[in-house]
Amino acid sequence: MHVVEVKSFGGPEVLRPGVAPDPVAGPGEVVVDVAAADVMFLDARLRAGWGQDFFAIRVPYVPGGAVAGVVSAVGPDVDPAWVGRRVATQTAASGIGGGQPVGGYAERAAAKADALAEVPEGLDLVRAAALVHDGGTALAVLGQAAVRPGEWVLVTAAGGGLGTLFVQLARAAGARVIAAARGGTKLALAERLGATAVVDYDESGWADQVLELTGGAGVHVVFDGAGGKIGRDALGTVVEGGRFFGYGNAAGGFFNDDAESVAAPGVTVHTLMDITRADGIDWHALGAQALAAAAAGDFEVVVGQTFPLDRAAEAHAAIESRAAVGRTILTV
């Protein structure tokens, strides 16, 4: 089968089309004929050699931890009725809060049967792939945040996949949403999706603008997809007793607990590890719920750009240049 491999750590050019043996479904597994593979910012960082202390990835490898397609084979002890069904799933090696996001940039991928979510009618496989990571995460974090009508909510990296969902979901919960992103295209998208106000965090003093928009009071909730200094600045806008959720690293690093020193008293800070390891979250059920909601038109799944599988290097370059909007998907 055709795949794209990372031959050595480096820039997007190290992504090379190649061939590999077809996967074989082991016990509890299936093989999916891939129609769409999600491309994460994390994929690009790992390809560049980041995260060796957290992800034991060795070159060469096939990137990608999430796909959508049609089940073509099942392993031992798996219901054969899965064959022929449209599914969205993590790859067999991937997992929430663990595993390795590999195996997805390929014509076929192995997946665990208990991770499969059937794609409902009315939802195409490209948008389904975009929700494998983002759908369940958005609903889980929104549930933890318990956003109340009238609250001010700040979303950073608001033009990304999760950011576009948080803008819509917080607005639907009755919040007043401030969307922070880089550049006019992403800010216009956030406004179209329902943001009350938008702020460009390429401008100095952007966090002060957030405070001004709230009449100086600050925001009650932050959904931070940026991390780094942007995340730290966003934390400084939270009111006493507010909630901060740092899940992203678009600005170069995940939110660091040490940044709590800039927070107002009583602010509850949730890091990525806190979010993924929270008790009582049924990630599979939330993923299926997100797919059903998207199929019903409850929110828009923003896929800003798609690339054929053999142009994965261009997809990574688009993400790293910050030109990508919403999710980036490889089509097979």
C-alpha atoms as a PDB file:
ATOM      1  CA  MET A   1       0.000   0.000   0.000  1.00  0.00           C
ATOM      2  CA  HIS A   2       1.008   3.624  -0.420  1.00  0.00           C
ATOM      3  CA  VAL A   3       2.082   5.525   2.694  1.00  0.00           C
ATOM      4  CA  VAL A   4       3.908   8.695   3.652  1.00  0.00           C
ATOM      5  CA  GLU A   5       6.884   8.199   5.939  1.00  0.00           C
ATOM      6  CA  VAL A   6       9.107  10.391   8.051  1.00  0.00           C
ATOM      7  CA  LYS A   7      12.520   9.221   6.912  1.00  0.00           C
ATOM      8  CA  SER A   8      14.478  11.356   9.371  1.00  0.00           C
ATOM      9  CA  PHE A   9      13.621  14.152  11.777  1.00  0.00           C
ATOM     10  CA  GLY A  10      13.583  17.563  10.129  1.00  0.00           C
ATOM     11  CA  GLY A  11      11.471  19.929   8.047  1.00  0.00           C
ATOM     12  CA  PRO A  12       8.396  19.043   5.979  1.00  0.00           C
ATOM     13  CA  GLU A  13      10.669  17.769   3.202  1.00  0.00           C
ATOM     14  CA  VAL A  14      11.485  14.641   5.251  1.00  0.00           C
ATOM     15  CA  LEU A  15       7.931  13.420   4.589  1.00  0.00           C
ATOM     16  CA  ARG A  16       8.306  11.064   1.639  1.00  0.00           C
ATOM     17  CA  PRO A  17       5.783   8.891  -0.237  1.00  0.00           C
ATOM     18  CA  GLY A  18       6.596   5.202   0.003  1.00  0.00           C
ATOM     19  CA  VAL A  19       5.143   1.723   0.127  1.00  0.00           C
ATOM     20  CA  ALA A  20       4.587  -0.592   3.070  1.00  0.00           C
ATOM     21  CA  PRO A  21       2.951  -3.970   3.712  1.00  0.00           C
ATOM     22  CA  ASP A  22      -0.792  -3.889   4.286  1.00  0.00           C
ATOM     23  CA  PRO A  23      -1.689  -3.995   7.989  1.00  0.00           C
ATOM     24  CA  VAL A  24      -3.168  -7.211   9.355  1.00  0.00           C
ATOM     25  CA  ALA A  25      -5.939  -7.028  11.946  1.00  0.00           C
ATOM     26  CA  GLY A  26      -4.840  -8.633  15.183  1.00  0.00           C
ATOM     27  CA  PRO A  27      -7.094  -9.705  18.048  1.00  0.00           C
ATOM     28  CA  GLY A  28      -9.586  -6.952  18.796  1.00  0.00           C
ATOM     29  CA  GLU A  29      -8.552  -4.961  15.729  1.00  0.00           C
ATOM     30  CA  VAL A  30      -9.858  -4.042  12.292  1.00  0.00           C
ATOM     31  CA  VAL A  31      -8.321  -2.732   9.094  1.00  0.00           C
ATOM     32  CA  VAL A  32      -9.740   0.518   7.730  1.00  0.00           C
ATOM     33  CA  ASP A  33      -9.466   1.513   4.069  1.00  0.00           C
ATOM     34  CA  VAL A  34      -8.555   5.134   4.705  1.00  0.00           C
ATOM     35  CA  ALA A  35     -10.455   7.911   2.941  1.00  0.00           C
ATOM     36  CA  ALA A  36      -9.220  10.783   5.119  1.00  0.00           C
ATOM     37  CA  ALA A  37      -6.414  11.213   7.645  1.00  0.00           C
ATOM     38  CA  ASP A  38      -6.228  14.021  10.191  1.00  0.00           C
ATOM     39  CA  VAL A  39      -3.091  16.173  10.266  1.00  0.00           C
ATOM     40  CA  MET A  40      -2.311  17.626  13.682  1.00  0.00           C
ATOM     41  CA  PHE A  41       0.091  20.371  14.693  1.00  0.00           C
ATOM     42  CA  LEU A  42       1.514  17.688  16.961  1.00  0.00           C
ATOM     43  CA  ASP A  43       2.360  15.621  13.874  1.00  0.00           C
ATOM     44  CA  ALA A  44       4.513  18.456  12.581  1.00  0.00           C
ATOM     45  CA  ARG A  45       6.274  18.928  15.902  1.00  0.00           C
ATOM     46  CA  LEU A  46       7.048  15.221  16.224  1.00  0.00           C
ATOM     47  CA  ARG A  47       8.313  15.125  12.638  1.00  0.00           C
ATOM     48  CA  ALA A  48      10.727  17.926  13.537  1.00  0.00           C
ATOM     49  CA  GLY A  49      12.115  15.843  16.421  1.00  0.00           C
ATOM     50  CA  TRP A  50      10.259  17.453  19.333  1.00  0.00           C
ATOM     51  CA  GLY A  51       8.874  15.432  22.234  1.00  0.00           C
ATOM     52  CA  GLN A  52      11.319  12.544  22.432  1.00  0.00           C
ATOM     53  CA  ASP A  53      10.872  12.492  26.206  1.00  0.00           C
ATOM     54  CA  PHE A  54       7.128  11.934  25.806  1.00  0.00           C
ATOM     55  CA  PHE A  55       6.775   9.956  22.568  1.00  0.00           C
ATOM     56  CA  ALA A  56       9.127   7.070  21.901  1.00  0.00           C
ATOM     57  CA  ILE A  57       8.939   7.532  18.140  1.00  0.00           C
ATOM     58  CA  ARG A  58      11.825   6.311  16.021  1.00  0.00           C
ATOM     59  CA  VAL A  59      12.412   6.956  12.330  1.00  0.00           C
ATOM     60  CA  PRO A  60      11.341   5.848   9.842  1.00  0.00           C
ATOM     61  CA  TYR A  61       7.670   5.936  10.770  1.00  0.00           C
ATOM     62  CA  VAL A  62       4.249   6.667   9.256  1.00  0.00           C
ATOM     63  CA  PRO A  63       2.649   9.675  11.031  1.00  0.00           C
ATOM     64  CA  GLY A  64      -1.008  10.231  11.797  1.00  0.00           C
ATOM     65  CA  GLY A  65      -3.162   9.128  14.714  1.00  0.00           C
ATOM     66  CA  ALA A  66      -6.700   9.525  13.337  1.00  0.00           C
ATOM     67  CA  VAL A  67      -8.488   8.354  10.197  1.00  0.00           C
ATOM     68  CA  ALA A  68     -11.901   7.885   8.667  1.00  0.00           C
ATOM     69  CA  GLY A  69     -12.820   5.304   6.072  1.00  0.00           C
ATOM     70  CA  VAL A  70     -14.467   1.928   5.541  1.00  0.00           C
ATOM     71  CA  VAL A  71     -13.700  -1.239   7.493  1.00  0.00           C
ATOM     72  CA  SER A  72     -12.317  -3.863   5.116  1.00  0.00           C
ATOM     73  CA  ALA A  73     -11.218  -6.646   7.485  1.00  0.00           C
ATOM     74  CA  VAL A  74     -11.630  -7.693  11.115  1.00  0.00           C
ATOM     75  CA  GLY A  75      -9.394  -9.616  13.440  1.00  0.00           C
ATOM     76  CA  PRO A  76     -10.187 -12.493  15.786  1.00  0.00           C
ATOM     77  CA  ASP A  77     -13.120 -11.935  18.154  1.00  0.00           C
ATOM     78  CA  VAL A  78     -14.328  -8.855  16.252  1.00  0.00           C
ATOM     79  CA  ASP A  79     -17.900  -8.737  14.933  1.00  0.00           C
ATOM     80  CA  PRO A  80     -17.691  -9.245  11.140  1.00  0.00           C
ATOM     81  CA  ALA A  81     -20.677  -6.904  10.777  1.00  0.00           C
ATOM     82  CA  TRP A  82     -18.154  -4.055  10.970  1.00  0.00           C
ATOM     83  CA  VAL A  83     -16.949  -4.887   7.460  1.00  0.00           C
ATOM     84  CA  GLY A  84     -18.257  -2.312   4.975  1.00  0.00           C
ATOM     85  CA  ARG A  85     -19.237   0.246   7.604  1.00  0.00           C
ATOM     86  CA  ARG A  86     -18.006   3.861   7.532  1.00  0.00           C
ATOM     87  CA  VAL A  87     -16.021   4.658  10.655  1.00  0.00           C
ATOM     88  CA  ALA A  88     -13.916   7.355  12.266  1.00  0.00           C
ATOM     89  CA  THR A  89     -11.234   6.224  14.674  1.00  0.00           C
ATOM     90  CA  GLN A  90      -7.839   6.593  16.224  1.00  0.00           C
ATOM     91  CA  THR A  91      -5.190   4.318  14.784  1.00  0.00           C
ATOM     92  CA  ALA A  92      -4.316   1.195  16.729  1.00  0.00           C
ATOM     93  CA  ALA A  93      -1.149   2.789  18.121  1.00  0.00           C
ATOM     94  CA  SER A  94      -2.825   6.033  19.193  1.00  0.00           C
ATOM     95  CA  GLY A  95      -4.904   6.878  22.245  1.00  0.00           C
ATOM     96  CA  ILE A  96      -6.276   9.659  24.464  1.00  0.00           C
ATOM     97  CA  GLY A  97      -3.581  10.680  26.919  1.00  0.00           C
ATOM     98  CA  GLY A  98      -1.141   8.057  25.665  1.00  0.00           C
ATOM     99  CA  GLY A  99       0.015   5.931  22.770  1.00  0.00           C
ATOM    100  CA  GLN A 100       1.769   7.091  19.617  1.00  0.00           C
ATOM    101  CA  PRO A 101      -0.009   9.120  16.901  1.00  0.00           C
ATOM    102  CA  VAL A 102       1.275   6.968  14.037  1.00  0.00           C
ATOM    103  CA  GLY A 103      -0.012   4.796  11.205  1.00  0.00           C
ATOM    104  CA  GLY A 104      -2.604   7.116   9.656  1.00  0.00           C
ATOM    105  CA  TYR A 105      -0.899   8.583   6.580  1.00  0.00           C
ATOM    106  CA  ALA A 106      -1.602   5.441   4.576  1.00  0.00           C
ATOM    107  CA  GLU A 107      -4.078   3.768   2.261  1.00  0.00           C
ATOM    108  CA  ARG A 108      -4.984   1.331   5.037  1.00  0.00           C
ATOM    109  CA  ALA A 109      -4.634   1.545   8.797  1.00  0.00           C
ATOM    110  CA  ALA A 110      -5.141  -0.775  11.742  1.00  0.00           C
ATOM    111  CA  ALA A 111      -7.532   0.340  14.478  1.00  0.00           C
ATOM    112  CA  LYS A 112      -8.920  -1.071  17.691  1.00  0.00           C
ATOM    113  CA  ALA A 113     -12.488  -2.290  17.347  1.00  0.00           C
ATOM    114  CA  ASP A 114     -13.521  -0.719  20.644  1.00  0.00           C
ATOM    115  CA  ALA A 115     -12.346   2.689  19.376  1.00  0.00           C
ATOM    116  CA  LEU A 116     -14.514   2.654  16.234  1.00  0.00           C
ATOM    117  CA  ALA A 117     -17.295   5.186  15.865  1.00  0.00           C
ATOM    118  CA  GLU A 118     -19.706   4.667  13.006  1.00  0.00           C
ATOM    119  CA  VAL A 119     -20.057   7.772  10.858  1.00  0.00           C
ATOM    120  CA  PRO A 120     -23.727   8.779  10.605  1.00  0.00           C
ATOM    121  CA  GLU A 121     -25.471   9.492   7.342  1.00  0.00           C
ATOM    122  CA  GLY A 122     -25.158  13.120   6.355  1.00  0.00           C
ATOM    123  CA  LEU A 123     -21.543  13.462   7.489  1.00  0.00           C
ATOM    124  CA  ASP A 124     -18.733  13.009   4.978  1.00  0.00           C
ATOM    125  CA  LEU A 125     -15.541  11.175   5.881  1.00  0.00           C
ATOM    126  CA  VAL A 126     -13.348  14.273   5.640  1.00  0.00           C
ATOM    127  CA  ARG A 127     -15.296  16.069   8.362  1.00  0.00           C
ATOM    128  CA  ALA A 128     -15.542  12.834  10.348  1.00  0.00           C
ATOM    129  CA  ALA A 129     -11.749  12.530  10.368  1.00  0.00           C
ATOM    130  CA  ALA A 130     -11.520  16.120  11.589  1.00  0.00           C
ATOM    131  CA  LEU A 131     -13.617  15.213  14.635  1.00  0.00           C
ATOM    132  CA  VAL A 132     -11.727  12.118  15.798  1.00  0.00           C
ATOM    133  CA  HIS A 133      -9.518  14.171  18.113  1.00  0.00           C
ATOM    134  CA  ASP A 134     -11.430  17.429  18.334  1.00  0.00           C
ATOM    135  CA  GLY A 135     -15.036  16.299  18.742  1.00  0.00           C
ATOM    136  CA  GLY A 136     -14.787  14.374  21.983  1.00  0.00           C
ATOM    137  CA  THR A 137     -12.191  16.766  23.390  1.00  0.00           C
ATOM    138  CA  ALA A 138     -14.399  19.795  22.777  1.00  0.00           C
ATOM    139  CA  LEU A 139     -17.396  18.203  24.483  1.00  0.00           C
ATOM    140  CA  ALA A 140     -15.306  16.921  27.400  1.00  0.00           C
ATOM    141  CA  VAL A 141     -13.689  20.284  28.075  1.00  0.00           C
ATOM    142  CA  LEU A 142     -16.960  22.141  27.666  1.00  0.00           C
ATOM    143  CA  GLY A 143     -18.499  19.814  30.243  1.00  0.00           C
ATOM    144  CA  GLN A 144     -15.659  20.464  32.685  1.00  0.00           C
ATOM    145  CA  ALA A 145     -15.905  24.212  32.111  1.00  0.00           C
ATOM    146  CA  ALA A 146     -19.645  24.340  32.873  1.00  0.00           C
ATOM    147  CA  VAL A 147     -20.045  27.576  30.903  1.00  0.00           C
ATOM    148  CA  ARG A 148     -23.018  29.607  32.077  1.00  0.00           C
ATOM    149  CA  PRO A 149     -25.171  32.052  30.091  1.00  0.00           C
ATOM    150  CA  GLY A 150     -23.781  35.574  30.139  1.00  0.00           C
ATOM    151  CA  GLU A 151     -20.235  34.599  31.072  1.00  0.00           C
ATOM    152  CA  TRP A 152     -17.299  35.957  29.118  1.00  0.00           C
ATOM    153  CA  VAL A 153     -15.279  33.216  27.397  1.00  0.00           C
ATOM    154  CA  LEU A 154     -11.900  33.747  25.712  1.00  0.00           C
ATOM    155  CA  VAL A 155     -10.826  31.272  23.019  1.00  0.00           C
ATOM    156  CA  THR A 156      -7.217  31.441  21.835  1.00  0.00           C
ATOM    157  CA  ALA A 157      -6.123  29.817  18.564  1.00  0.00           C
ATOM    158  CA  ALA A 158      -9.752  30.451  17.662  1.00  0.00           C
ATOM    159  CA  GLY A 159      -9.132  29.767  13.971  1.00  0.00           C
ATOM    160  CA  GLY A 160      -7.967  26.185  14.584  1.00  0.00           C
ATOM    161  CA  GLY A 161      -9.947  22.982  14.669  1.00  0.00           C
ATOM    162  CA  LEU A 162     -10.732  22.961  18.382  1.00  0.00           C
ATOM    163  CA  GLY A 163     -10.926  26.729  18.564  1.00  0.00           C
ATOM    164  CA  THR A 164     -13.664  26.913  15.949  1.00  0.00           C
ATOM    165  CA  LEU A 165     -15.663  24.325  17.888  1.00  0.00           C
ATOM    166  CA  PHE A 166     -15.229  26.139  21.215  1.00  0.00           C
ATOM    167  CA  VAL A 167     -16.407  29.420  19.690  1.00  0.00           C
ATOM    168  CA  GLN A 168     -19.601  27.749  18.526  1.00  0.00           C
ATOM    169  CA  LEU A 169     -20.229  25.597  21.602  1.00  0.00           C
ATOM    170  CA  ALA A 170     -19.609  28.408  24.088  1.00  0.00           C
ATOM    171  CA  ARG A 171     -21.871  30.705  22.092  1.00  0.00           C
ATOM    172  CA  ALA A 172     -24.575  28.022  22.057  1.00  0.00           C
ATOM    173  CA  ALA A 173     -24.254  27.808  25.856  1.00  0.00           C
ATOM    174  CA  GLY A 174     -25.140  31.498  26.054  1.00  0.00           C
ATOM    175  CA  ALA A 175     -21.646  32.876  26.660  1.00  0.00           C
ATOM    176  CA  ARG A 176     -20.178  36.070  25.257  1.00  0.00           C
ATOM    177  CA  VAL A 177     -17.182  34.841  23.280  1.00  0.00           C
ATOM    178  CA  ILE A 178     -13.952  36.719  22.594  1.00  0.00           C
ATOM    179  CA  ALA A 179     -11.990  34.937  19.860  1.00  0.00           C
ATOM    180  CA  ALA A 180      -8.237  35.531  19.736  1.00  0.00           C
ATOM    181  CA  ALA A 181      -6.260  34.492  16.676  1.00  0.00           C
ATOM    182  CA  ARG A 182      -3.649  35.694  14.210  1.00  0.00           C
ATOM    183  CA  GLY A 183      -4.727  37.575  11.071  1.00  0.00           C
ATOM    184  CA  GLY A 184      -7.883  38.809   9.434  1.00  0.00           C
ATOM    185  CA  THR A 185      -8.930  35.523   7.808  1.00  0.00           C
ATOM    186  CA  LYS A 186      -9.113  33.635  11.094  1.00  0.00           C
ATOM    187  CA  LEU A 187     -10.762  36.502  12.928  1.00  0.00           C
ATOM    188  CA  ALA A 188     -13.406  36.861  10.219  1.00  0.00           C
ATOM    189  CA  LEU A 189     -14.095  33.134  10.484  1.00  0.00           C
ATOM    190  CA  ALA A 190     -14.545  33.408  14.254  1.00  0.00           C
ATOM    191  CA  GLU A 191     -16.997  36.276  13.794  1.00  0.00           C
ATOM    192  CA  ARG A 192     -18.967  34.227  11.280  1.00  0.00           C
ATOM    193  CA  LEU A 193     -19.117  31.345  13.754  1.00  0.00           C
ATOM    194  CA  GLY A 194     -20.642  33.598  16.417  1.00  0.00           C
ATOM    195  CA  ALA A 195     -17.859  35.318  18.345  1.00  0.00           C
ATOM    196  CA  THR A 196     -19.027  38.437  20.153  1.00  0.00           C
ATOM    197  CA  ALA A 197     -15.667  40.129  19.602  1.00  0.00           C
ATOM    198  CA  VAL A 198     -12.290  39.268  18.081  1.00  0.00           C
ATOM    199  CA  VAL A 199      -8.714  40.199  18.997  1.00  0.00           C
ATOM    200  CA  ASP A 200      -5.513  39.713  17.008  1.00  0.00           C
ATOM    201  CA  TYR A 201      -2.821  38.430  19.347  1.00  0.00           C
ATOM    202  CA  ASP A 202      -0.111  39.485  16.941  1.00  0.00           C
ATOM    203  CA  GLU A 203      -0.819  43.000  18.219  1.00  0.00           C
ATOM    204  CA  SER A 204       0.949  44.174  21.364  1.00  0.00           C
ATOM    205  CA  GLY A 205      -1.366  44.649  24.293  1.00  0.00           C
ATOM    206  CA  TRP A 206      -3.930  42.173  22.976  1.00  0.00           C
ATOM    207  CA  ALA A 207      -4.709  40.909  26.494  1.00  0.00           C
ATOM    208  CA  ASP A 208      -5.473  44.488  27.547  1.00  0.00           C
ATOM    209  CA  GLN A 209      -7.962  44.635  24.680  1.00  0.00           C
ATOM    210  CA  VAL A 210      -9.661  41.548  26.125  1.00  0.00           C
ATOM    211  CA  LEU A 211      -9.973  43.255  29.497  1.00  0.00           C
ATOM    212  CA  GLU A 212     -11.391  46.390  27.858  1.00  0.00           C
ATOM    213  CA  LEU A 213     -14.009  44.333  26.027  1.00  0.00           C
ATOM    214  CA  THR A 214     -15.202  42.954  29.372  1.00  0.00           C
ATOM    215  CA  GLY A 215     -15.369  46.403  30.923  1.00  0.00           C
ATOM    216  CA  GLY A 216     -12.180  45.738  32.844  1.00  0.00           C
ATOM    217  CA  ALA A 217     -13.619  42.790  34.728  1.00  0.00           C
ATOM    218  CA  GLY A 218     -11.950  39.961  32.804  1.00  0.00           C
ATOM    219  CA  VAL A 219     -13.192  36.654  31.435  1.00  0.00           C
ATOM    220  CA  HIS A 220     -14.723  33.770  33.344  1.00  0.00           C
ATOM    221  CA  VAL A 221     -13.370  30.963  31.169  1.00  0.00           C
ATOM    222  CA  VAL A 222     -10.385  30.561  28.860  1.00  0.00           C
ATOM    223  CA  PHE A 223     -10.043  27.803  26.283  1.00  0.00           C
ATOM    224  CA  ASP A 224      -6.368  28.109  25.386  1.00  0.00           C
ATOM    225  CA  GLY A 225      -5.246  26.385  22.215  1.00  0.00           C
ATOM    226  CA  ALA A 226      -2.117  28.498  21.879  1.00  0.00           C
ATOM    227  CA  GLY A 227       0.023  27.836  24.925  1.00  0.00           C
ATOM    228  CA  GLY A 228       3.378  29.535  25.382  1.00  0.00           C
ATOM    229  CA  LYS A 229       3.383  33.257  26.092  1.00  0.00           C
ATOM    230  CA  ILE A 230      -0.068  33.663  24.557  1.00  0.00           C
ATOM    231  CA  GLY A 231      -1.481  31.193  27.051  1.00  0.00           C
ATOM    232  CA  ARG A 232       0.258  32.958  29.913  1.00  0.00           C
ATOM    233  CA  ASP A 233      -1.161  36.322  28.794  1.00  0.00           C
ATOM    234  CA  ALA A 234      -4.615  34.770  28.449  1.00  0.00           C
ATOM    235  CA  LEU A 235      -4.427  33.438  32.016  1.00  0.00           C
ATOM    236  CA  GLY A 236      -3.873  36.983  33.215  1.00  0.00           C
ATOM    237  CA  THR A 237      -7.316  37.979  31.889  1.00  0.00           C
ATOM    238  CA  VAL A 238      -9.260  35.489  34.030  1.00  0.00           C
ATOM    239  CA  VAL A 239     -11.410  36.834  36.867  1.00  0.00           C
ATOM    240  CA  GLU A 240     -11.066  35.648  40.434  1.00  0.00           C
ATOM    241  CA  GLY A 241     -12.682  32.234  40.677  1.00  0.00           C
ATOM    242  CA  GLY A 242     -12.561  31.665  36.890  1.00  0.00           C
ATOM    243  CA  ARG A 243     -11.534  28.572  34.934  1.00  0.00           C
ATOM    244  CA  PHE A 244      -8.596  28.139  32.567  1.00  0.00           C
ATOM    245  CA  PHE A 245      -8.171  25.174  30.196  1.00  0.00           C
ATOM    246  CA  GLY A 246      -4.789  24.905  28.474  1.00  0.00           C
ATOM    247  CA  TYR A 247      -4.936  22.185  25.840  1.00  0.00           C
ATOM    248  CA  GLY A 248      -2.889  23.449  22.871  1.00  0.00           C
ATOM    249  CA  ASN A 249       0.629  24.345  21.840  1.00  0.00           C
ATOM    250  CA  ALA A 250       0.179  26.369  18.658  1.00  0.00           C
ATOM    251  CA  ALA A 251       2.424  29.095  20.107  1.00  0.00           C
ATOM    252  CA  GLY A 252       5.307  26.706  20.664  1.00  0.00           C
ATOM    253  CA  GLY A 253       4.685  24.979  23.992  1.00  0.00           C
ATOM    254  CA  PHE A 254       1.931  23.512  26.128  1.00  0.00           C
ATOM    255  CA  PHE A 255       0.694  25.564  29.049  1.00  0.00           C
ATOM    256  CA  ASN A 256       3.007  25.303  32.054  1.00  0.00           C
ATOM    257  CA  ASP A 257       1.724  25.041  35.607  1.00  0.00           C
ATOM    258  CA  ASP A 258       4.379  27.551  36.670  1.00  0.00           C
ATOM    259  CA  ALA A 259       2.400  30.268  34.891  1.00  0.00           C
ATOM    260  CA  GLU A 260      -0.251  30.090  37.613  1.00  0.00           C
ATOM    261  CA  SER A 261       1.687  32.855  39.314  1.00  0.00           C
ATOM    262  CA  VAL A 262       0.041  35.381  36.973  1.00  0.00           C
ATOM    263  CA  ALA A 263      -3.468  34.152  37.726  1.00  0.00           C
ATOM    264  CA  ALA A 264      -6.016  35.905  39.894  1.00  0.00           C
ATOM    265  CA  PRO A 265      -6.855  34.269  43.241  1.00  0.00           C
ATOM    266  CA  GLY A 266      -9.031  31.212  43.046  1.00  0.00           C
ATOM    267  CA  VAL A 267      -8.552  30.590  39.330  1.00  0.00           C
ATOM    268  CA  THR A 268      -8.768  26.877  38.529  1.00  0.00           C
ATOM    269  CA  VAL A 269      -6.129  25.837  35.998  1.00  0.00           C
ATOM    270  CA  HIS A 270      -6.576  22.673  33.946  1.00  0.00           C
ATOM    271  CA  THR A 271      -3.560  21.511  31.941  1.00  0.00           C
ATOM    272  CA  LEU A 272      -3.710  19.052  29.049  1.00  0.00           C
ATOM    273  CA  MET A 273      -2.867  16.191  31.412  1.00  0.00           C
ATOM    274  CA  ASP A 274      -5.645  17.251  33.778  1.00  0.00           C
ATOM    275  CA  ILE A 275      -8.108  17.265  30.900  1.00  0.00           C
ATOM    276  CA  THR A 276      -7.173  13.904  29.393  1.00  0.00           C
ATOM    277  CA  ARG A 277      -6.872  12.086  32.715  1.00  0.00           C
ATOM    278  CA  ALA A 278     -10.029  13.411  34.356  1.00  0.00           C
ATOM    279  CA  ASP A 279     -12.140  10.707  35.940  1.00  0.00           C
ATOM    280  CA  GLY A 280     -15.438   9.612  34.527  1.00  0.00           C
ATOM    281  CA  ILE A 281     -15.010  10.743  30.911  1.00  0.00           C
ATOM    282  CA  ASP A 282     -16.358   8.308  28.323  1.00  0.00           C
ATOM    283  CA  TRP A 283     -14.239   9.462  25.385  1.00  0.00           C
ATOM    284  CA  HIS A 284     -15.805   6.974  22.986  1.00  0.00           C
ATOM    285  CA  ALA A 285     -19.342   8.103  23.786  1.00  0.00           C
ATOM    286  CA  LEU A 286     -18.388  11.769  23.474  1.00  0.00           C
ATOM    287  CA  GLY A 287     -16.752  11.128  20.094  1.00  0.00           C
ATOM    288  CA  ALA A 288     -19.897   9.445  18.814  1.00  0.00           C
ATOM    289  CA  GLN A 289     -21.996  12.299  20.223  1.00  0.00           C
ATOM    290  CA  ALA A 290     -19.858  14.835  18.362  1.00  0.00           C
ATOM    291  CA  LEU A 291     -20.245  12.960  15.073  1.00  0.00           C
ATOM    292  CA  ALA A 292     -24.022  12.827  15.525  1.00  0.00           C
ATOM    293  CA  ALA A 293     -24.187  16.536  16.384  1.00  0.00           C
ATOM    294  CA  ALA A 294     -22.152  17.454  13.312  1.00  0.00           C
ATOM    295  CA  ALA A 295     -24.358  15.290  11.100  1.00  0.00           C
ATOM    296  CA  ALA A 296     -27.419  17.040  12.541  1.00  0.00           C
ATOM    297  CA  GLY A 297     -25.929  20.452  11.777  1.00  0.00           C
ATOM    298  CA  ASP A 298     -25.598  21.491  15.424  1.00  0.00           C
ATOM    299  CA  PHE A 299     -22.169  22.975  14.673  1.00  0.00           C
ATOM    300  CA  GLU A 300     -19.924  23.485  11.690  1.00  0.00           C
ATOM    301  CA  VAL A 301     -16.802  21.352  11.256  1.00  0.00           C
ATOM    302  CA  VAL A 302     -14.262  23.689   9.689  1.00  0.00           C
ATOM    303  CA  VAL A 303     -11.858  21.904   7.352  1.00  0.00           C
ATOM    304  CA  GLY A 304      -9.839  24.727   5.891  1.00  0.00           C
ATOM    305  CA  GLN A 305      -7.600  22.730   3.572  1.00  0.00           C
ATOM    306  CA  THR A 306      -7.209  19.229   2.186  1.00  0.00           C
ATOM    307  CA  PHE A 307      -4.224  17.668   0.439  1.00  0.00           C
ATOM    308  CA  PRO A 308      -3.763  14.358  -1.368  1.00  0.00           C
ATOM    309  CA  LEU A 309      -1.798  11.809   0.645  1.00  0.00           C
ATOM    310  CA  ASP A 310       1.370  12.233  -1.403  1.00  0.00           C
ATOM    311  CA  ARG A 311       1.375  15.987  -0.636  1.00  0.00           C
ATOM    312  CA  ALA A 312       1.590  15.553   3.135  1.00  0.00           C
ATOM    313  CA  ALA A 313       4.710  17.731   3.187  1.00  0.00           C
ATOM    314  CA  GLU A 314       2.621  20.655   1.894  1.00  0.00           C
ATOM    315  CA  ALA A 315       0.056  20.042   4.625  1.00  0.00           C
ATOM    316  CA  HIS A 316       2.753  20.234   7.296  1.00  0.00           C
ATOM    317  CA  ALA A 317       4.210  23.375   5.745  1.00  0.00           C
ATOM    318  CA  ALA A 318       0.774  25.037   5.798  1.00  0.00           C
ATOM    319  CA  ILE A 319       0.318  24.228   9.477  1.00  0.00           C
ATOM    320  CA  GLU A 320       3.769  25.429  10.476  1.00  0.00           C
ATOM    321  CA  SER A 321       3.390  28.683   8.549  1.00  0.00           C
ATOM    322  CA  ARG A 322       0.192  29.348  10.560  1.00  0.00           C
ATOM    323  CA  ALA A 323      -1.633  29.685   7.238  1.00  0.00           C
ATOM    324  CA  ALA A 324      -3.940  26.737   7.933  1.00  0.00           C
ATOM    325  CA  VAL A 325      -7.490  27.431   9.091  1.00  0.00           C
ATOM    326  CA  GLY A 326      -9.568  24.861  10.960  1.00  0.00           C
ATOM    327  CA  ARG A 327      -8.481  21.262  10.444  1.00  0.00           C
ATOM    328  CA  THR A 328      -6.073  20.043   7.793  1.00  0.00           C
ATOM    329  CA  ILE A 329      -6.907  16.684   6.203  1.00  0.00           C
ATOM    330  CA  LEU A 330      -5.128  14.294   3.855  1.00  0.00           C
ATOM    331  CA  THR A 331      -7.391  12.562   1.344  1.00  0.00           C
ATOM    332  CA  VAL A 332      -6.640   9.074   0.056  1.00  0.00           C
END
